Protein backbone atom coordinates (compact mmCIF):
# COMPACT_ATOMS: atom_id res chain seq x y z
CA MET A 1 101.76 181.55 -89.13
CA ASP A 2 102.45 180.47 -92.53
CA ASN A 3 103.07 176.65 -93.55
CA PRO A 4 106.72 176.57 -94.43
CA VAL A 5 105.97 173.49 -96.47
CA SER A 6 103.59 175.24 -98.85
CA ASN A 7 105.52 178.66 -99.04
CA HIS A 8 107.51 180.11 -101.88
CA PHE A 9 111.01 180.85 -100.48
CA GLN A 10 113.09 183.73 -100.83
CA LYS A 11 116.06 181.87 -102.38
CA LYS A 12 116.50 178.46 -104.19
CA PRO A 13 119.45 176.11 -104.55
CA GLU A 14 121.19 176.19 -108.34
CA ALA A 15 119.92 172.72 -109.10
CA MET A 16 116.34 173.98 -109.13
CA THR A 17 117.03 175.90 -112.24
CA SER A 18 117.46 172.75 -113.97
CA SER A 19 114.82 171.69 -116.44
CA PRO A 20 112.44 168.57 -115.78
CA ALA A 21 113.82 167.09 -118.81
CA GLN A 22 117.63 167.25 -117.50
CA LYS A 23 116.65 165.98 -114.12
CA ALA A 24 114.39 163.52 -112.59
CA LEU A 25 111.33 165.07 -110.53
CA HIS A 26 112.07 163.11 -107.42
CA GLU A 27 115.75 164.63 -107.73
CA THR A 28 114.40 168.12 -108.09
CA ILE A 29 112.19 167.73 -104.94
CA ARG A 30 114.84 166.14 -102.94
CA THR A 31 117.36 168.95 -103.82
CA GLN A 32 114.82 171.72 -102.75
CA LEU A 33 113.74 169.84 -99.73
CA ARG A 34 117.37 169.27 -98.66
CA TYR A 35 118.16 172.92 -99.06
CA GLU A 36 115.24 173.85 -97.08
CA ILE A 37 116.09 171.59 -94.15
CA LEU A 38 119.97 172.28 -94.21
CA SER A 39 119.48 176.01 -94.44
CA GLY A 40 116.80 175.90 -91.36
CA ILE A 41 113.66 177.04 -93.30
CA LEU A 42 112.10 173.68 -92.54
CA PRO A 43 112.74 173.42 -88.91
CA VAL A 44 113.60 170.16 -86.92
CA GLY A 45 110.13 168.48 -86.25
CA GLN A 46 108.60 169.90 -89.24
CA PRO A 47 105.97 167.20 -90.71
CA LEU A 48 106.59 166.48 -94.42
CA LYS A 49 103.15 165.76 -95.71
CA GLN A 50 102.99 163.83 -98.87
CA ASP A 51 99.91 165.22 -100.12
CA ALA A 52 101.11 168.76 -99.35
CA LEU A 53 104.21 168.26 -101.00
CA ALA A 54 102.94 166.63 -104.12
CA GLN A 55 100.46 169.80 -104.52
CA ARG A 56 103.32 172.17 -104.03
CA PHE A 57 105.75 170.29 -106.49
CA LYS A 58 102.77 169.66 -108.91
CA ALA A 59 103.78 165.86 -108.70
CA SER A 60 102.21 162.73 -107.54
CA ARG A 61 103.05 160.99 -104.71
CA ILE A 62 105.39 158.69 -106.00
CA PRO A 63 108.24 161.14 -106.66
CA VAL A 64 107.67 162.84 -103.45
CA ARG A 65 107.90 159.33 -101.74
CA GLU A 66 111.17 158.64 -103.40
CA ALA A 67 112.47 162.05 -102.36
CA LEU A 68 111.80 161.62 -98.71
CA ARG A 69 113.12 158.21 -98.91
CA GLN A 70 116.49 159.72 -100.12
CA LEU A 71 116.61 162.31 -97.51
CA GLU A 72 115.94 159.64 -94.76
CA SER A 73 118.90 157.86 -95.98
CA GLU A 74 120.88 161.07 -95.50
CA GLY A 75 119.90 161.27 -92.09
CA LEU A 76 117.65 164.41 -92.75
CA VAL A 77 114.23 163.10 -92.46
CA VAL A 78 112.71 160.39 -90.15
CA HIS A 79 109.45 158.66 -90.31
CA HIS A 80 107.22 158.17 -87.17
CA LEU A 81 104.75 155.49 -86.94
CA ASN A 82 101.92 157.85 -86.35
CA ARG A 83 103.29 161.21 -87.66
CA GLY A 84 104.75 160.24 -91.15
CA ALA A 85 107.89 161.95 -92.32
CA VAL A 86 109.31 164.85 -90.18
CA VAL A 87 112.40 166.67 -90.45
CA ALA A 88 115.24 165.02 -88.43
CA GLY A 89 117.00 166.40 -85.30
CA MET A 90 120.66 165.07 -84.00
CA SER A 91 122.05 164.51 -80.49
CA MET A 92 125.33 165.80 -79.60
CA ASP A 93 127.16 162.34 -79.88
CA GLN A 94 125.64 162.06 -83.36
CA ILE A 95 127.18 165.49 -84.15
CA PHE A 96 130.52 164.58 -82.77
CA GLU A 97 130.47 161.28 -85.08
CA MET A 98 129.76 163.36 -87.89
CA LEU A 99 132.54 165.76 -87.09
CA ASP A 100 135.06 163.03 -87.13
CA ILE A 101 133.96 161.96 -90.41
CA ARG A 102 134.30 165.54 -91.85
CA ILE A 103 137.88 165.48 -90.65
CA ALA A 104 138.86 162.16 -92.53
CA LEU A 105 136.58 163.34 -95.63
CA GLU A 106 137.80 166.86 -95.72
CA CYS A 107 141.59 166.24 -95.14
CA HIS A 108 141.62 163.55 -97.73
CA ALA A 109 140.15 165.84 -100.18
CA ALA A 110 142.59 168.64 -99.40
CA LYS A 111 145.44 166.36 -100.26
CA LEU A 112 144.08 165.78 -103.58
CA SER A 113 142.77 169.40 -104.08
CA VAL A 114 145.65 171.65 -103.29
CA PRO A 115 148.34 170.43 -105.70
CA ASN A 116 145.70 171.09 -108.49
CA MET A 117 144.64 174.49 -107.21
CA VAL A 118 145.09 177.98 -109.69
CA GLU A 119 144.71 181.28 -108.91
CA GLN A 120 141.06 181.49 -110.03
CA ASP A 121 140.51 178.71 -106.96
CA PHE A 122 142.40 181.21 -104.57
CA GLN A 123 140.22 184.04 -105.54
CA THR A 124 137.10 182.12 -105.31
CA MET A 125 138.04 181.15 -101.63
CA GLU A 126 139.22 184.85 -100.77
CA LYS A 127 135.92 186.19 -102.11
CA ILE A 128 133.85 183.51 -100.02
CA LEU A 129 135.93 184.84 -97.00
CA GLU A 130 135.49 188.73 -97.70
CA ALA A 131 131.73 187.83 -97.77
CA TYR A 132 131.90 185.79 -94.52
CA SER A 133 133.74 189.06 -92.82
CA LYS A 134 130.73 191.08 -93.93
CA ALA A 135 128.00 188.79 -92.95
CA ASP A 136 126.09 189.70 -89.58
CA SER A 137 123.86 186.76 -88.99
CA VAL A 138 124.71 183.08 -87.93
CA GLN A 139 122.72 181.97 -90.98
CA GLU A 140 125.12 183.82 -93.40
CA TRP A 141 128.12 182.63 -91.46
CA ALA A 142 126.94 179.08 -91.76
CA GLU A 143 126.31 179.51 -95.72
CA TYR A 144 129.85 180.90 -96.40
CA ASN A 145 131.61 178.39 -94.13
CA ARG A 146 129.92 175.76 -96.12
CA ARG A 147 130.94 177.54 -99.32
CA PHE A 148 134.46 177.85 -97.99
CA HIS A 149 134.98 174.09 -96.94
CA LEU A 150 133.29 172.80 -100.41
CA ALA A 151 135.83 175.04 -102.33
CA LEU A 152 138.85 173.96 -100.47
CA GLY A 153 138.17 170.48 -101.95
CA SER A 154 136.75 171.27 -105.12
CA ALA A 155 140.06 170.77 -107.21
CA SER A 156 140.01 167.20 -106.02
CA ASN A 157 138.25 166.59 -109.17
CA ASN A 158 136.23 163.89 -107.56
CA ARG A 159 132.55 164.47 -107.61
CA ARG A 160 131.52 161.48 -105.23
CA LEU A 161 133.87 162.96 -102.52
CA ARG A 162 132.64 166.36 -102.74
CA ARG A 163 129.10 165.09 -102.52
CA LEU A 164 129.94 163.18 -99.30
CA ILE A 165 131.76 166.30 -97.71
CA GLU A 166 128.81 168.53 -98.67
CA GLU A 167 126.39 166.09 -97.06
CA PHE A 168 128.05 165.58 -93.88
CA CYS A 169 129.37 169.40 -93.73
CA LEU A 170 126.01 170.79 -94.08
CA ASN A 171 124.37 168.29 -91.79
CA THR A 172 126.34 169.37 -89.01
CA ASP A 173 126.67 173.03 -89.68
CA ARG A 174 122.84 173.70 -89.16
CA TYR A 175 123.34 172.71 -85.40
CA THR A 176 126.97 173.72 -84.76
CA HIS A 177 126.68 177.38 -86.11
CA VAL A 178 124.14 178.41 -83.58
CA LEU A 179 126.26 176.76 -80.77
CA MET A 180 129.34 177.74 -81.85
CA SER A 181 128.39 181.53 -82.46
CA LYS A 182 127.92 181.74 -78.72
CA ALA A 183 131.13 180.24 -77.89
CA THR A 184 133.44 181.74 -80.34
CA GLY A 185 131.78 184.27 -82.49
CA LYS A 186 132.91 184.40 -86.13
CA GLU A 187 136.39 185.87 -85.78
CA ARG A 188 138.50 182.89 -84.77
CA PRO A 189 137.03 180.51 -87.28
CA GLN A 190 137.53 183.26 -89.97
CA SER A 191 141.25 183.56 -88.77
CA ASP A 192 141.45 179.91 -89.28
CA HIS A 193 140.03 180.04 -92.75
CA TYR A 194 142.48 182.73 -93.69
CA ARG A 195 145.46 180.55 -92.35
CA ILE A 196 144.18 177.64 -94.55
CA LEU A 197 144.06 179.69 -97.70
CA GLU A 198 147.59 181.08 -97.22
CA ALA A 199 148.89 177.35 -96.69
CA CYS A 200 147.07 176.60 -99.98
CA ARG A 201 148.51 179.34 -101.92
CA ARG A 202 151.95 178.00 -100.89
CA ARG A 203 150.92 174.65 -101.94
CA ASP A 204 151.83 173.48 -98.64
CA VAL A 205 149.49 170.53 -98.18
CA PRO A 206 150.78 168.85 -94.86
CA ALA A 207 150.06 172.59 -93.41
CA VAL A 208 146.50 172.63 -95.00
CA VAL A 209 145.87 169.31 -93.75
CA GLN A 210 147.05 169.93 -90.29
CA LEU A 211 145.13 173.50 -89.92
CA LEU A 212 142.01 171.95 -91.73
CA GLU A 213 142.39 169.03 -88.91
CA GLU A 214 142.67 171.42 -86.25
CA HIS A 215 140.02 173.64 -87.35
CA ILE A 216 137.29 171.09 -87.06
CA THR A 217 138.84 169.66 -83.95
CA GLU A 218 138.46 172.86 -82.28
CA THR A 219 134.80 172.93 -82.99
CA LYS A 220 134.34 169.71 -81.64
CA ARG A 221 136.13 170.94 -78.31
CA GLU A 222 134.12 174.02 -78.16
CA LEU A 223 130.94 171.69 -78.27
CA LEU A 224 132.28 169.35 -75.72
CA ALA A 225 132.74 172.37 -73.45
CA ILE A 226 129.29 173.26 -74.02
CA ALA A 227 128.02 169.94 -73.27
CA ARG A 228 129.70 169.96 -70.16
CA ALA A 229 128.35 173.14 -69.05
CA GLY A 230 124.79 171.79 -69.76
CA ASP A 231 124.04 173.75 -72.76
CA ASP A 232 123.10 170.82 -74.99
CA ARG A 233 119.62 170.39 -74.34
CA PRO A 234 116.87 171.78 -76.65
CA THR A 235 119.54 173.95 -78.51
CA LEU A 236 120.55 171.26 -80.68
CA ALA A 237 116.84 170.51 -81.64
CA ARG A 238 116.58 173.82 -83.19
CA PRO A 239 118.31 174.72 -86.36
CA THR A 240 119.97 177.76 -87.39
CA PRO A 241 117.09 180.59 -87.41
CA THR A 242 116.23 182.26 -90.75
CA MET A 243 116.70 185.84 -91.60
CA ALA A 244 113.55 187.91 -91.70
């Protein structure tokens, strides 16, 4: 079985196209590893050996160490005494806490964003939802869900807020979409998305905020039901499976 740390992957985040002169090396390494963790390419428990990463990125251990430190501050990497850095897992309680944070962040971003939206914003969200409808894997659902939620707050013109939303949204999606796909499929979340988009087109800020809060809260309720049924054991320790 190939080592996912040393492989070249099928797709890369946009940030990887930046030249070294434009971006610090440790940021480039962090961005790529973050993408691979959140997309499930690097599974929970995967060791992140500094020597192997330094060789892969043609760098010294110093930027690798800094990239891993930043990923640890985001909760994506954990250091074990005898194993070094590994991809972090997340308990059900931690996911619930993150979903509460998502509600606060995304609803505030929506309040700022909706009044600033123009037709291009609506078309962007509609194209994302069309791609979501055509998608047939859990990984694709998670990706288009991520893009929709980020697009919803993009007109807030607040990059720090967007960064926080991206961090918390992605960090929960790699767990919740595996579980939620079993409970609801993609139709009910997609119906919520279209209602949110329609409210955005009406510039009905209170309706957008209410629908968004209910949308994320429903995810939490479904996960609570799964936990009560005893399905919260190893499933949470496995990320969204990658596509062949």
